[in-house]
N, C-alpha and C. Protein backbone atom coordinates (compact mmCIF):
# COMPACT_ATOMS: atom_id res chain seq x y z
N MET A 1 26.60 38.09 87.67
CA MET A 1 25.99 37.34 86.58
C MET A 1 26.28 38.00 85.23
N LYS A 2 26.28 39.35 85.21
CA LYS A 2 26.54 40.06 83.96
C LYS A 2 27.97 39.78 83.46
N TRP A 3 28.93 39.70 84.40
CA TRP A 3 30.30 39.41 84.02
C TRP A 3 30.43 38.00 83.46
N PHE A 4 29.71 37.08 84.01
CA PHE A 4 29.74 35.70 83.54
C PHE A 4 29.20 35.61 82.11
N VAL A 5 28.09 36.27 81.84
CA VAL A 5 27.50 36.27 80.49
C VAL A 5 28.46 36.97 79.52
N PHE A 6 29.04 38.09 79.96
CA PHE A 6 29.99 38.81 79.12
C PHE A 6 31.20 37.93 78.79
N ALA A 7 31.71 37.21 79.78
CA ALA A 7 32.85 36.32 79.57
C ALA A 7 32.48 35.20 78.60
N LEU A 8 31.28 34.66 78.71
CA LEU A 8 30.84 33.61 77.77
C LEU A 8 30.72 34.15 76.35
N VAL A 9 30.22 35.37 76.21
CA VAL A 9 30.09 35.97 74.88
C VAL A 9 31.47 36.20 74.27
N VAL A 10 32.41 36.71 75.08
CA VAL A 10 33.77 36.93 74.58
C VAL A 10 34.41 35.60 74.20
N LEU A 11 34.24 34.58 75.01
CA LEU A 11 34.78 33.25 74.71
C LEU A 11 34.18 32.70 73.42
N PHE A 12 32.88 32.88 73.26
CA PHE A 12 32.20 32.42 72.05
C PHE A 12 32.75 33.14 70.82
N ILE A 13 32.98 34.44 70.93
CA ILE A 13 33.51 35.22 69.80
C ILE A 13 34.93 34.75 69.46
N LEU A 14 35.74 34.50 70.47
CA LEU A 14 37.10 34.02 70.22
C LEU A 14 37.10 32.65 69.54
N LEU A 15 36.22 31.78 69.98
CA LEU A 15 36.13 30.46 69.36
C LEU A 15 35.63 30.55 67.93
N GLN A 16 34.70 31.43 67.66
CA GLN A 16 34.20 31.63 66.30
C GLN A 16 35.31 32.19 65.40
N TYR A 17 36.12 33.09 65.96
CA TYR A 17 37.23 33.63 65.18
C TYR A 17 38.18 32.52 64.74
N ARG A 18 38.55 31.65 65.64
CA ARG A 18 39.44 30.53 65.30
C ARG A 18 38.78 29.61 64.28
N PHE A 19 37.48 29.41 64.40
CA PHE A 19 36.76 28.52 63.50
C PHE A 19 36.75 29.08 62.08
N TRP A 20 36.56 30.37 61.90
CA TRP A 20 36.42 30.96 60.58
C TRP A 20 37.72 31.51 60.00
N VAL A 21 38.63 32.00 60.86
CA VAL A 21 39.79 32.71 60.36
C VAL A 21 41.12 32.08 60.80
N GLY A 22 41.22 31.58 61.98
CA GLY A 22 42.49 31.14 62.55
C GLY A 22 43.05 29.88 61.92
N ASP A 23 44.14 29.40 62.49
CA ASP A 23 44.80 28.19 62.03
C ASP A 23 43.86 27.00 62.23
N GLY A 24 43.65 26.22 61.19
CA GLY A 24 42.71 25.10 61.26
C GLY A 24 41.29 25.50 60.94
N SER A 25 41.12 26.73 60.45
CA SER A 25 39.79 27.22 60.11
C SER A 25 39.29 26.57 58.83
N ILE A 26 38.08 26.86 58.49
CA ILE A 26 37.48 26.31 57.27
C ILE A 26 38.28 26.77 56.04
N ALA A 27 38.64 28.05 56.00
CA ALA A 27 39.40 28.57 54.86
C ALA A 27 40.77 27.89 54.78
N HIS A 28 41.38 27.66 55.90
CA HIS A 28 42.69 27.00 55.94
C HIS A 28 42.58 25.57 55.44
N VAL A 29 41.54 24.87 55.86
CA VAL A 29 41.34 23.48 55.43
C VAL A 29 41.08 23.41 53.93
N VAL A 30 40.28 24.34 53.40
CA VAL A 30 40.00 24.37 51.96
C VAL A 30 41.29 24.62 51.18
N ASP A 31 42.12 25.54 51.67
CA ASP A 31 43.39 25.82 51.01
C ASP A 31 44.31 24.60 51.04
N LEU A 32 44.36 23.91 52.17
CA LEU A 32 45.19 22.70 52.27
C LEU A 32 44.70 21.62 51.31
N LYS A 33 43.39 21.46 51.18
CA LYS A 33 42.85 20.47 50.24
C LYS A 33 43.23 20.82 48.80
N ARG A 34 43.22 22.12 48.47
CA ARG A 34 43.61 22.55 47.13
C ARG A 34 45.09 22.24 46.90
N GLN A 35 45.92 22.50 47.90
CA GLN A 35 47.35 22.21 47.77
C GLN A 35 47.61 20.70 47.63
N ILE A 36 46.85 19.90 48.34
CA ILE A 36 46.99 18.44 48.24
C ILE A 36 46.63 17.99 46.83
N SER A 37 45.56 18.54 46.28
CA SER A 37 45.14 18.18 44.93
C SER A 37 46.22 18.51 43.91
N ILE A 38 46.80 19.70 44.03
CA ILE A 38 47.87 20.11 43.11
C ILE A 38 49.07 19.18 43.25
N GLN A 39 49.44 18.84 44.48
CA GLN A 39 50.59 17.97 44.72
C GLN A 39 50.34 16.57 44.19
N GLN A 40 49.11 16.07 44.32
CA GLN A 40 48.79 14.73 43.79
C GLN A 40 48.92 14.70 42.28
N GLU A 41 48.47 15.76 41.60
CA GLU A 41 48.61 15.83 40.14
C GLU A 41 50.09 15.85 39.75
N GLU A 42 50.88 16.61 40.48
CA GLU A 42 52.32 16.66 40.21
C GLU A 42 52.97 15.30 40.44
N ASN A 43 52.55 14.61 41.50
CA ASN A 43 53.09 13.27 41.79
C ASN A 43 52.77 12.30 40.66
N ILE A 44 51.56 12.35 40.13
CA ILE A 44 51.17 11.47 39.02
C ILE A 44 52.04 11.76 37.80
N ARG A 45 52.24 13.05 37.51
CA ARG A 45 53.07 13.44 36.36
C ARG A 45 54.50 12.93 36.53
N LEU A 46 55.05 13.10 37.72
CA LEU A 46 56.42 12.66 37.97
C LEU A 46 56.54 11.14 37.97
N LYS A 47 55.52 10.46 38.46
CA LYS A 47 55.54 9.00 38.46
C LYS A 47 55.55 8.47 37.03
N THR A 48 54.76 9.07 36.17
CA THR A 48 54.74 8.67 34.76
C THR A 48 56.10 8.92 34.11
N ARG A 49 56.68 10.09 34.40
CA ARG A 49 58.01 10.40 33.85
C ARG A 49 59.05 9.40 34.35
N ASN A 50 58.99 9.05 35.63
CA ASN A 50 59.93 8.08 36.18
C ASN A 50 59.79 6.71 35.54
N GLN A 51 58.55 6.30 35.24
CA GLN A 51 58.33 5.01 34.59
C GLN A 51 58.93 5.02 33.18
N ILE A 52 58.79 6.12 32.48
CA ILE A 52 59.37 6.23 31.13
C ILE A 52 60.89 6.17 31.21
N LEU A 53 61.46 6.90 32.16
CA LEU A 53 62.91 6.88 32.31
C LEU A 53 63.42 5.50 32.73
N ALA A 54 62.68 4.81 33.60
CA ALA A 54 63.08 3.47 34.03
C ALA A 54 63.05 2.51 32.84
N ALA A 55 62.04 2.64 31.98
CA ALA A 55 61.97 1.78 30.79
C ALA A 55 63.14 2.07 29.85
N GLU A 56 63.50 3.34 29.73
CA GLU A 56 64.62 3.70 28.87
C GLU A 56 65.93 3.16 29.44
N VAL A 57 66.11 3.25 30.74
CA VAL A 57 67.33 2.71 31.37
C VAL A 57 67.38 1.20 31.17
N HIS A 58 66.26 0.54 31.34
CA HIS A 58 66.21 -0.92 31.14
C HIS A 58 66.59 -1.27 29.70
N ALA A 59 66.06 -0.50 28.74
CA ALA A 59 66.36 -0.76 27.33
C ALA A 59 67.84 -0.52 27.05
N LEU A 60 68.41 0.52 27.66
CA LEU A 60 69.83 0.80 27.43
C LEU A 60 70.73 -0.26 28.05
N LYS A 61 70.31 -0.81 29.18
CA LYS A 61 71.12 -1.83 29.84
C LYS A 61 71.03 -3.19 29.14
N ASN A 62 69.90 -3.50 28.52
CA ASN A 62 69.67 -4.85 28.02
C ASN A 62 69.71 -5.00 26.51
N GLY A 63 69.83 -3.94 25.77
CA GLY A 63 69.81 -4.11 24.32
C GLY A 63 70.69 -3.11 23.61
N THR A 64 71.17 -3.52 22.45
CA THR A 64 72.03 -2.62 21.68
C THR A 64 71.21 -1.69 20.79
N ASP A 65 69.96 -2.05 20.51
CA ASP A 65 69.12 -1.20 19.65
C ASP A 65 68.89 0.17 20.29
N ALA A 66 68.64 0.19 21.57
CA ALA A 66 68.41 1.46 22.25
C ALA A 66 69.67 2.30 22.27
N ILE A 67 70.81 1.66 22.49
CA ILE A 67 72.08 2.39 22.50
C ILE A 67 72.37 2.94 21.11
N GLU A 68 72.12 2.13 20.11
CA GLU A 68 72.35 2.55 18.73
C GLU A 68 71.44 3.74 18.38
N GLY A 69 70.17 3.63 18.75
CA GLY A 69 69.23 4.72 18.48
C GLY A 69 69.64 6.01 19.18
N ARG A 70 70.08 5.88 20.41
CA ARG A 70 70.52 7.05 21.18
C ARG A 70 71.75 7.68 20.53
N ALA A 71 72.70 6.84 20.08
CA ALA A 71 73.90 7.36 19.43
C ALA A 71 73.55 8.08 18.14
N ARG A 72 72.58 7.56 17.40
CA ARG A 72 72.16 8.20 16.16
C ARG A 72 71.52 9.56 16.42
N GLU A 73 70.62 9.60 17.40
CA GLU A 73 69.88 10.83 17.67
C GLU A 73 70.76 11.89 18.33
N ASP A 74 71.48 11.52 19.37
CA ASP A 74 72.20 12.51 20.17
C ASP A 74 73.55 12.89 19.59
N MET A 75 74.22 11.92 18.96
CA MET A 75 75.59 12.17 18.50
C MET A 75 75.71 12.22 16.99
N GLY A 76 74.63 11.96 16.28
CA GLY A 76 74.66 12.01 14.83
C GLY A 76 75.51 10.92 14.21
N MET A 77 75.63 9.79 14.88
CA MET A 77 76.47 8.70 14.37
C MET A 77 75.76 7.95 13.24
N VAL A 78 76.57 7.38 12.36
CA VAL A 78 76.07 6.65 11.20
C VAL A 78 76.79 5.31 11.16
N LYS A 79 76.05 4.26 10.80
CA LYS A 79 76.65 2.92 10.67
C LYS A 79 77.55 2.87 9.45
N GLU A 80 78.44 1.91 9.47
CA GLU A 80 79.31 1.68 8.32
C GLU A 80 78.46 1.23 7.14
N GLY A 81 78.69 1.82 5.99
CA GLY A 81 77.95 1.46 4.80
C GLY A 81 76.67 2.28 4.60
N GLU A 82 76.31 3.10 5.55
CA GLU A 82 75.12 3.94 5.42
C GLU A 82 75.51 5.28 4.81
N THR A 83 74.53 5.92 4.20
CA THR A 83 74.74 7.25 3.65
C THR A 83 73.91 8.23 4.46
N PHE A 84 74.53 9.32 4.87
CA PHE A 84 73.86 10.32 5.67
C PHE A 84 73.37 11.43 4.76
N TYR A 85 72.07 11.76 4.87
CA TYR A 85 71.48 12.84 4.09
C TYR A 85 71.01 13.92 5.06
N LEU A 86 71.37 15.16 4.79
CA LEU A 86 70.94 16.30 5.58
C LEU A 86 69.97 17.10 4.74
N ILE A 87 68.74 17.21 5.20
CA ILE A 87 67.71 17.93 4.46
C ILE A 87 67.51 19.28 5.15
N ILE A 88 67.70 20.33 4.40
CA ILE A 88 67.56 21.68 4.93
C ILE A 88 66.20 22.22 4.49
N ASP A 89 65.39 22.62 5.44
CA ASP A 89 64.06 23.15 5.17
C ASP A 89 64.18 24.67 5.10
N ASP A 90 63.98 25.22 3.94
CA ASP A 90 64.14 26.67 3.74
C ASP A 90 62.78 27.32 3.51
N ASN A 91 61.75 26.81 4.16
CA ASN A 91 60.41 27.37 3.97
C ASN A 91 60.11 28.51 4.93
N ASN A 92 61.03 28.86 5.80
CA ASN A 92 60.80 29.91 6.78
C ASN A 92 61.35 31.24 6.30
N ASN A 93 60.92 31.67 5.12
CA ASN A 93 61.35 32.95 4.57
C ASN A 93 60.55 34.06 5.22
N ASP A 94 61.22 35.18 5.50
CA ASP A 94 60.55 36.30 6.12
C ASP A 94 60.16 37.35 5.06
N ASN A 95 59.83 36.93 3.86
CA ASN A 95 59.46 37.84 2.78
C ASN A 95 58.05 38.26 2.87
């Protein structure tokens, strides 16, 4: 009878160890929930970025205004008859 009680106590301790510390434990589940929350926030951020990029692609495919704006910003292009002004900001003196 003593061996049976001892075996039950050891079994109980092993099960408690898995419950509190082992794989699938409370700490493990809390950590997984935290990781899921972080991943969901990242997914929302990336989804928003993808929507912005999709709108930009749509604008580039369907209109010349977007292409013209992109050429002006990225390549410094100027339309015929326009005058280009370069303003130099010299307020960053280290005096």
